[in-house]
Every structure is written in C-alpha cells, then in structure tokens.
Amino acid sequence: MFEVNIFTPEQFGAFIPWLVINRGPLSALIHPNTDDELRDHTQRATWMGQPLPVSTKMFKKTAETL
C-alpha cells in the first residue's frame, strides 16, 4: 500500500493515465481528501482494478453520514 497526494488538476491529469498504464494487476483506490473521510473512502471513491474491502472503523462519523 502507498499513498500519492495530488494537489492540482494538472497533476491529476498526468498521474491518472500513468497509473492506468503502470499499476499492473494491482488495485488502486482514488478518492478526494475533504473533511469527511468516511464519505471520501466510500461514496466519493473510485477503484481501478478489483475493489477491495475498506475498513472504515477509523473514520469519524459526521452528522451527515449517521
């Protein structure tokens, strides 16, 4: 597992095609980083490859997601 932080649309536009070509058989979870980590890792997330289970126990629940 590793994390890549992307800060601009230009970085996103360059990284995602690279990831599509170079990830091989690995799965990748792509998600935004907002103040709602639970929603970022579930509803706002996109998978490349086979989706894997994501443990959400560590994320704070907000009033919107309860």
PDB file of N, CA and C in Angstrom:
ATOM      1  N   MET A   1       0.834  -1.168   0.000  1.00  0.00           N
ATOM      2  CA  MET A   1       0.000   0.000   0.000  1.00  0.00           C
ATOM      3  C   MET A   1       0.884   1.237   0.000  1.00  0.00           C
ATOM      4  N   PHE A   2       0.488   2.236  -0.746  1.00  0.00           N
ATOM      5  CA  PHE A   2       1.166   3.524  -0.692  1.00  0.00           C
ATOM      6  C   PHE A   2       0.168   4.616  -1.013  1.00  0.00           C
ATOM      7  N   GLU A   3       0.548   5.823  -0.712  1.00  0.00           N
ATOM      8  CA  GLU A   3      -0.330   6.973  -0.904  1.00  0.00           C
ATOM      9  C   GLU A   3       0.366   7.994  -1.774  1.00  0.00           C
ATOM     10  N   VAL A   4      -0.401   8.595  -2.679  1.00  0.00           N
ATOM     11  CA  VAL A   4       0.089   9.681  -3.513  1.00  0.00           C
ATOM     12  C   VAL A   4      -0.854  10.854  -3.318  1.00  0.00           C
ATOM     13  N   ASN A   5      -0.322  11.989  -2.979  1.00  0.00           N
ATOM     14  CA  ASN A   5      -1.132  13.195  -2.835  1.00  0.00           C
ATOM     15  C   ASN A   5      -0.975  14.056  -4.071  1.00  0.00           C
ATOM     16  N   ILE A   6      -2.100  14.437  -4.645  1.00  0.00           N
ATOM     17  CA  ILE A   6      -2.129  15.262  -5.849  1.00  0.00           C
ATOM     18  C   ILE A   6      -2.860  16.544  -5.495  1.00  0.00           C
ATOM     19  N   PHE A   7      -2.271  17.681  -5.870  1.00  0.00           N
ATOM     20  CA  PHE A   7      -2.799  18.967  -5.417  1.00  0.00           C
ATOM     21  C   PHE A   7      -3.403  19.837  -6.505  1.00  0.00           C
ATOM     22  N   THR A   8      -3.140  19.528  -7.767  1.00  0.00           N
ATOM     23  CA  THR A   8      -3.662  20.367  -8.843  1.00  0.00           C
ATOM     24  C   THR A   8      -4.328  19.495  -9.912  1.00  0.00           C
ATOM     25  N   PRO A   9      -5.228  20.078 -10.697  1.00  0.00           N
ATOM     26  CA  PRO A   9      -5.810  19.317 -11.812  1.00  0.00           C
ATOM     27  C   PRO A   9      -4.752  18.832 -12.805  1.00  0.00           C
ATOM     28  N   GLU A  10      -3.690  19.602 -12.980  1.00  0.00           N
ATOM     29  CA  GLU A  10      -2.623  19.201 -13.899  1.00  0.00           C
ATOM     30  C   GLU A  10      -1.908  17.946 -13.392  1.00  0.00           C
ATOM     31  N   GLN A  11      -1.643  17.896 -12.091  1.00  0.00           N
ATOM     32  CA  GLN A  11      -1.017  16.702 -11.515  1.00  0.00           C
ATOM     33  C   GLN A  11      -1.933  15.493 -11.660  1.00  0.00           C
ATOM     34  N   PHE A  12      -3.216  15.684 -11.383  1.00  0.00           N
ATOM     35  CA  PHE A  12      -4.187  14.604 -11.528  1.00  0.00           C
ATOM     36  C   PHE A  12      -4.212  14.107 -12.967  1.00  0.00           C
ATOM     37  N   GLY A  13      -4.260  15.047 -13.905  1.00  0.00           N
ATOM     38  CA  GLY A  13      -4.300  14.699 -15.323  1.00  0.00           C
ATOM     39  C   GLY A  13      -3.069  13.956 -15.801  1.00  0.00           C
ATOM     40  N   ALA A  14      -1.929  14.206 -15.180  1.00  0.00           N
ATOM     41  CA  ALA A  14      -0.700  13.492 -15.547  1.00  0.00           C
ATOM     42  C   ALA A  14      -0.591  12.153 -14.833  1.00  0.00           C
ATOM     43  N   PHE A  15      -1.026  12.096 -13.580  1.00  0.00           N
ATOM     44  CA  PHE A  15      -0.822  10.881 -12.779  1.00  0.00           C
ATOM     45  C   PHE A  15      -1.789   9.760 -13.132  1.00  0.00           C
ATOM     46  N   ILE A  16      -3.054  10.069 -13.334  1.00  0.00           N
ATOM     47  CA  ILE A  16      -4.048   9.017 -13.554  1.00  0.00           C
ATOM     48  C   ILE A  16      -3.742   8.198 -14.813  1.00  0.00           C
ATOM     49  N   PRO A  17      -3.427   8.798 -15.949  1.00  0.00           N
ATOM     50  CA  PRO A  17      -3.051   7.968 -17.097  1.00  0.00           C
ATOM     51  C   PRO A  17      -1.807   7.112 -16.826  1.00  0.00           C
ATOM     52  N   TRP A  18      -0.833   7.667 -16.106  1.00  0.00           N
ATOM     53  CA  TRP A  18       0.355   6.889 -15.740  1.00  0.00           C
ATOM     54  C   TRP A  18      -0.051   5.688 -14.891  1.00  0.00           C
ATOM     55  N   LEU A  19      -0.953   5.906 -13.944  1.00  0.00           N
ATOM     56  CA  LEU A  19      -1.405   4.830 -13.071  1.00  0.00           C
ATOM     57  C   LEU A  19      -2.140   3.749 -13.861  1.00  0.00           C
ATOM     58  N   VAL A  20      -2.979   4.152 -14.793  1.00  0.00           N
ATOM     59  CA  VAL A  20      -3.706   3.195 -15.628  1.00  0.00           C
ATOM     60  C   VAL A  20      -2.720   2.276 -16.355  1.00  0.00           C
ATOM     61  N   ILE A  21      -1.662   2.835 -16.877  1.00  0.00           N
ATOM     62  CA  ILE A  21      -0.689   2.069 -17.656  1.00  0.00           C
ATOM     63  C   ILE A  21       0.220   1.230 -16.769  1.00  0.00           C
ATOM     64  N   ASN A  22       0.595   1.746 -15.612  1.00  0.00           N
ATOM     65  CA  ASN A  22       1.664   1.122 -14.825  1.00  0.00           C
ATOM     66  C   ASN A  22       1.241   0.358 -13.567  1.00  0.00           C
ATOM     67  N   ARG A  23      -0.039   0.331 -13.233  1.00  0.00           N
ATOM     68  CA  ARG A  23      -0.428  -0.333 -11.986  1.00  0.00           C
ATOM     69  C   ARG A  23      -0.403  -1.848 -12.086  1.00  0.00           C
ATOM     70  N   GLY A  24      -0.335  -2.387 -13.298  1.00  0.00           N
ATOM     71  CA  GLY A  24      -0.303  -3.841 -13.462  1.00  0.00           C
ATOM     72  C   GLY A  24      -1.558  -4.463 -12.892  1.00  0.00           C
ATOM     73  N   PRO A  25      -1.426  -5.585 -12.154  1.00  0.00           N
ATOM     74  CA  PRO A  25      -2.600  -6.260 -11.602  1.00  0.00           C
ATOM     75  C   PRO A  25      -3.082  -5.655 -10.274  1.00  0.00           C
ATOM     76  N   LEU A  26      -2.440  -4.601  -9.829  1.00  0.00           N
ATOM     77  CA  LEU A  26      -2.783  -4.020  -8.537  1.00  0.00           C
ATOM     78  C   LEU A  26      -4.065  -3.191  -8.614  1.00  0.00           C
ATOM     79  N   SER A  27      -4.776  -3.135  -7.505  1.00  0.00           N
ATOM     80  CA  SER A  27      -5.953  -2.291  -7.389  1.00  0.00           C
ATOM     81  C   SER A  27      -5.538  -0.947  -6.817  1.00  0.00           C
ATOM     82  N   ALA A  28      -6.264   0.098  -7.197  1.00  0.00           N
ATOM     83  CA  ALA A  28      -5.974   1.436  -6.684  1.00  0.00           C
ATOM     84  C   ALA A  28      -7.280   2.119  -6.314  1.00  0.00           C
ATOM     85  N   LEU A  29      -7.326   2.651  -5.102  1.00  0.00           N
ATOM     86  CA  LEU A  29      -8.470   3.423  -4.635  1.00  0.00           C
ATOM     87  C   LEU A  29      -8.145   4.897  -4.831  1.00  0.00           C
ATOM     88  N   ILE A  30      -8.983   5.590  -5.575  1.00  0.00           N
ATOM     89  CA  ILE A  30      -8.773   7.008  -5.842  1.00  0.00           C
ATOM     90  C   ILE A  30      -9.904   7.762  -5.162  1.00  0.00           C
ATOM     91  N   HIS A  31      -9.534   8.725  -4.338  1.00  0.00           N
ATOM     92  CA  HIS A  31     -10.560   9.457  -3.590  1.00  0.00           C
ATOM     93  C   HIS A  31     -10.082  10.859  -3.251  1.00  0.00           C
ATOM     94  N   PRO A  32     -11.029  11.768  -3.018  1.00  0.00           N
ATOM     95  CA  PRO A  32     -10.662  13.127  -2.596  1.00  0.00           C
ATOM     96  C   PRO A  32     -10.284  13.134  -1.117  1.00  0.00           C
ATOM     97  N   ASN A  33      -9.699  14.209  -0.682  1.00  0.00           N
ATOM     98  CA  ASN A  33      -9.403  14.425   0.736  1.00  0.00           C
ATOM     99  C   ASN A  33     -10.171  15.656   1.193  1.00  0.00           C
ATOM    100  N   THR A  34     -11.320  15.412   1.823  1.00  0.00           N
ATOM    101  CA  THR A  34     -12.122  16.502   2.364  1.00  0.00           C
ATOM    102  C   THR A  34     -12.210  16.301   3.872  1.00  0.00           C
ATOM    103  N   ASP A  35     -13.080  17.031   4.514  1.00  0.00           N
ATOM    104  CA  ASP A  35     -13.235  16.857   5.961  1.00  0.00           C
ATOM    105  C   ASP A  35     -14.151  15.682   6.302  1.00  0.00           C
ATOM    106  N   ASP A  36     -14.610  14.930   5.307  1.00  0.00           N
ATOM    107  CA  ASP A  36     -15.471  13.772   5.531  1.00  0.00           C
ATOM    108  C   ASP A  36     -14.756  12.521   5.028  1.00  0.00           C
ATOM    109  N   GLU A  37     -13.841  12.003   5.841  1.00  0.00           N
ATOM    110  CA  GLU A  37     -13.023  10.863   5.417  1.00  0.00           C
ATOM    111  C   GLU A  37     -13.854   9.625   5.099  1.00  0.00           C
ATOM    112  N   LEU A  38     -14.896   9.389   5.870  1.00  0.00           N
ATOM    113  CA  LEU A  38     -15.740   8.224   5.619  1.00  0.00           C
ATOM    114  C   LEU A  38     -16.349   8.295   4.220  1.00  0.00           C
ATOM    115  N   ARG A  39     -16.944   9.397   3.891  1.00  0.00           N
ATOM    116  CA  ARG A  39     -17.554   9.554   2.565  1.00  0.00           C
ATOM    117  C   ARG A  39     -16.484   9.547   1.467  1.00  0.00           C
ATOM    118  N   ASP A  40     -15.326  10.159   1.731  1.00  0.00           N
ATOM    119  CA  ASP A  40     -14.244  10.171   0.739  1.00  0.00           C
ATOM    120  C   ASP A  40     -13.813   8.753   0.362  1.00  0.00           C
ATOM    121  N   HIS A  41     -13.761   7.860   1.332  1.00  0.00           N
ATOM    122  CA  HIS A  41     -13.283   6.496   1.096  1.00  0.00           C
ATOM    123  C   HIS A  41     -14.384   5.529   0.680  1.00  0.00           C
ATOM    124  N   THR A  42     -15.634   5.994   0.642  1.00  0.00           N
ATOM    125  CA  THR A  42     -16.750   5.123   0.263  1.00  0.00           C
ATOM    126  C   THR A  42     -17.519   5.726  -0.906  1.00  0.00           C
ATOM    127  N   GLN A  43     -18.374   6.693  -0.651  1.00  0.00           N
ATOM    128  CA  GLN A  43     -19.253   7.247  -1.682  1.00  0.00           C
ATOM    129  C   GLN A  43     -18.518   8.039  -2.758  1.00  0.00           C
ATOM    130  N   ARG A  44     -17.458   8.710  -2.401  1.00  0.00           N
ATOM    131  CA  ARG A  44     -16.730   9.554  -3.364  1.00  0.00           C
ATOM    132  C   ARG A  44     -15.544   8.845  -4.003  1.00  0.00           C
ATOM    133  N   ALA A  45     -15.346   7.589  -3.681  1.00  0.00           N
ATOM    134  CA  ALA A  45     -14.172   6.848  -4.137  1.00  0.00           C
ATOM    135  C   ALA A  45     -14.421   6.160  -5.474  1.00  0.00           C
ATOM    136  N   THR A  46     -13.334   5.956  -6.202  1.00  0.00           N
ATOM    137  CA  THR A  46     -13.334   5.209  -7.453  1.00  0.00           C
ATOM    138  C   THR A  46     -12.215   4.189  -7.390  1.00  0.00           C
ATOM    139  N   TRP A  47     -12.498   2.987  -7.850  1.00  0.00           N
ATOM    140  CA  TRP A  47     -11.481   1.936  -7.891  1.00  0.00           C
ATOM    141  C   TRP A  47     -10.965   1.749  -9.304  1.00  0.00           C
ATOM    142  N   MET A  48      -9.663   1.498  -9.413  1.00  0.00           N
ATOM    143  CA  MET A  48      -9.069   0.951 -10.627  1.00  0.00           C
ATOM    144  C   MET A  48      -8.719  -0.488 -10.266  1.00  0.00           C
ATOM    145  N   GLY A  49      -9.142  -1.407 -11.081  1.00  0.00           N
ATOM    146  CA  GLY A  49      -8.900  -2.809 -10.775  1.00  0.00           C
ATOM    147  C   GLY A  49      -9.980  -3.348  -9.853  1.00  0.00           C
ATOM    148  N   GLN A  50      -9.693  -4.502  -9.260  1.00  0.00           N
ATOM    149  CA  GLN A  50     -10.639  -5.181  -8.388  1.00  0.00           C
ATOM    150  C   GLN A  50     -10.844  -4.385  -7.096  1.00  0.00           C
ATOM    151  N   PRO A  51     -12.081  -3.997  -6.777  1.00  0.00           N
ATOM    152  CA  PRO A  51     -12.319  -3.328  -5.497  1.00  0.00           C
ATOM    153  C   PRO A  51     -11.973  -4.249  -4.323  1.00  0.00           C
ATOM    154  N   LEU A  52     -11.421  -3.678  -3.291  1.00  0.00           N
ATOM    155  CA  LEU A  52     -11.050  -4.423  -2.090  1.00  0.00           C
ATOM    156  C   LEU A  52     -11.843  -3.889  -0.905  1.00  0.00           C
ATOM    157  N   PRO A  53     -12.006  -4.702   0.127  1.00  0.00           N
ATOM    158  CA  PRO A  53     -12.711  -4.205   1.314  1.00  0.00           C
ATOM    159  C   PRO A  53     -11.942  -3.051   1.952  1.00  0.00           C
ATOM    160  N   VAL A  54     -12.669  -2.054   2.410  1.00  0.00           N
ATOM    161  CA  VAL A  54     -12.063  -0.902   3.079  1.00  0.00           C
ATOM    162  C   VAL A  54     -12.625  -0.846   4.493  1.00  0.00           C
ATOM    163  N   SER A  55     -11.751  -0.935   5.479  1.00  0.00           N
ATOM    164  CA  SER A  55     -12.189  -0.794   6.860  1.00  0.00           C
ATOM    165  C   SER A  55     -12.423   0.681   7.139  1.00  0.00           C
ATOM    166  N   THR A  56     -13.626   1.011   7.574  1.00  0.00           N
ATOM    167  CA  THR A  56     -13.965   2.407   7.833  1.00  0.00           C
ATOM    168  C   THR A  56     -14.051   2.714   9.325  1.00  0.00           C
ATOM    169  N   LYS A  57     -13.641   1.761  10.160  1.00  0.00           N
ATOM    170  CA  LYS A  57     -13.738   1.947  11.614  1.00  0.00           C
ATOM    171  C   LYS A  57     -12.974   3.162  12.116  1.00  0.00           C
ATOM    172  N   MET A  58     -11.904   3.513  11.441  1.00  0.00           N
ATOM    173  CA  MET A  58     -11.042   4.598  11.915  1.00  0.00           C
ATOM    174  C   MET A  58     -11.562   5.997  11.581  1.00  0.00           C
ATOM    175  N   PHE A  59     -12.542   6.089  10.703  1.00  0.00           N
ATOM    176  CA  PHE A  59     -13.024   7.387  10.263  1.00  0.00           C
ATOM    177  C   PHE A  59     -14.101   7.921  11.195  1.00  0.00           C
ATOM    178  N   LYS A  60     -13.992   9.202  11.489  1.00  0.00           N
ATOM    179  CA  LYS A  60     -15.006   9.856  12.318  1.00  0.00           C
ATOM    180  C   LYS A  60     -16.309   9.928  11.550  1.00  0.00           C
ATOM    181  N   LYS A  61     -17.398   9.649  12.203  1.00  0.00           N
ATOM    182  CA  LYS A  61     -18.709   9.795  11.588  1.00  0.00           C
ATOM    183  C   LYS A  61     -19.192  11.223  11.806  1.00  0.00           C
ATOM    184  N   THR A  62     -19.687  11.825  10.732  1.00  0.00           N
ATOM    185  CA  THR A  62     -20.239  13.167  10.832  1.00  0.00           C
ATOM    186  C   THR A  62     -21.755  13.074  10.894  1.00  0.00           C
ATOM    187  N   ALA A  63     -22.406  14.142  11.221  1.00  0.00           N
ATOM    188  CA  ALA A  63     -23.870  14.163  11.321  1.00  0.00           C
ATOM    189  C   ALA A  63     -24.508  13.743  10.006  1.00  0.00           C
ATOM    190  N   GLU A  64     -23.896  14.100   8.865  1.00  0.00           N
ATOM    191  CA  GLU A  64     -24.470  13.754   7.559  1.00  0.00           C
ATOM    192  C   GLU A  64     -24.435  12.268   7.294  1.00  0.00           C
ATOM    193  N   THR A  65     -23.438  11.542   7.792  1.00  0.00           N
ATOM    194  CA  THR A  65     -23.279  10.133   7.454  1.00  0.00           C
ATOM    195  C   THR A  65     -23.890   9.213   8.490  1.00  0.00           C
ATOM    196  N   LEU A  66     -24.421   9.727   9.582  1.00  0.00           N
ATOM    197  CA  LEU A  66     -25.026   8.878  10.613  1.00  0.00           C
ATOM    198  C   LEU A  66     -26.392   8.390  10.195  1.00  0.00           C
TER     199      LEU A  66
END
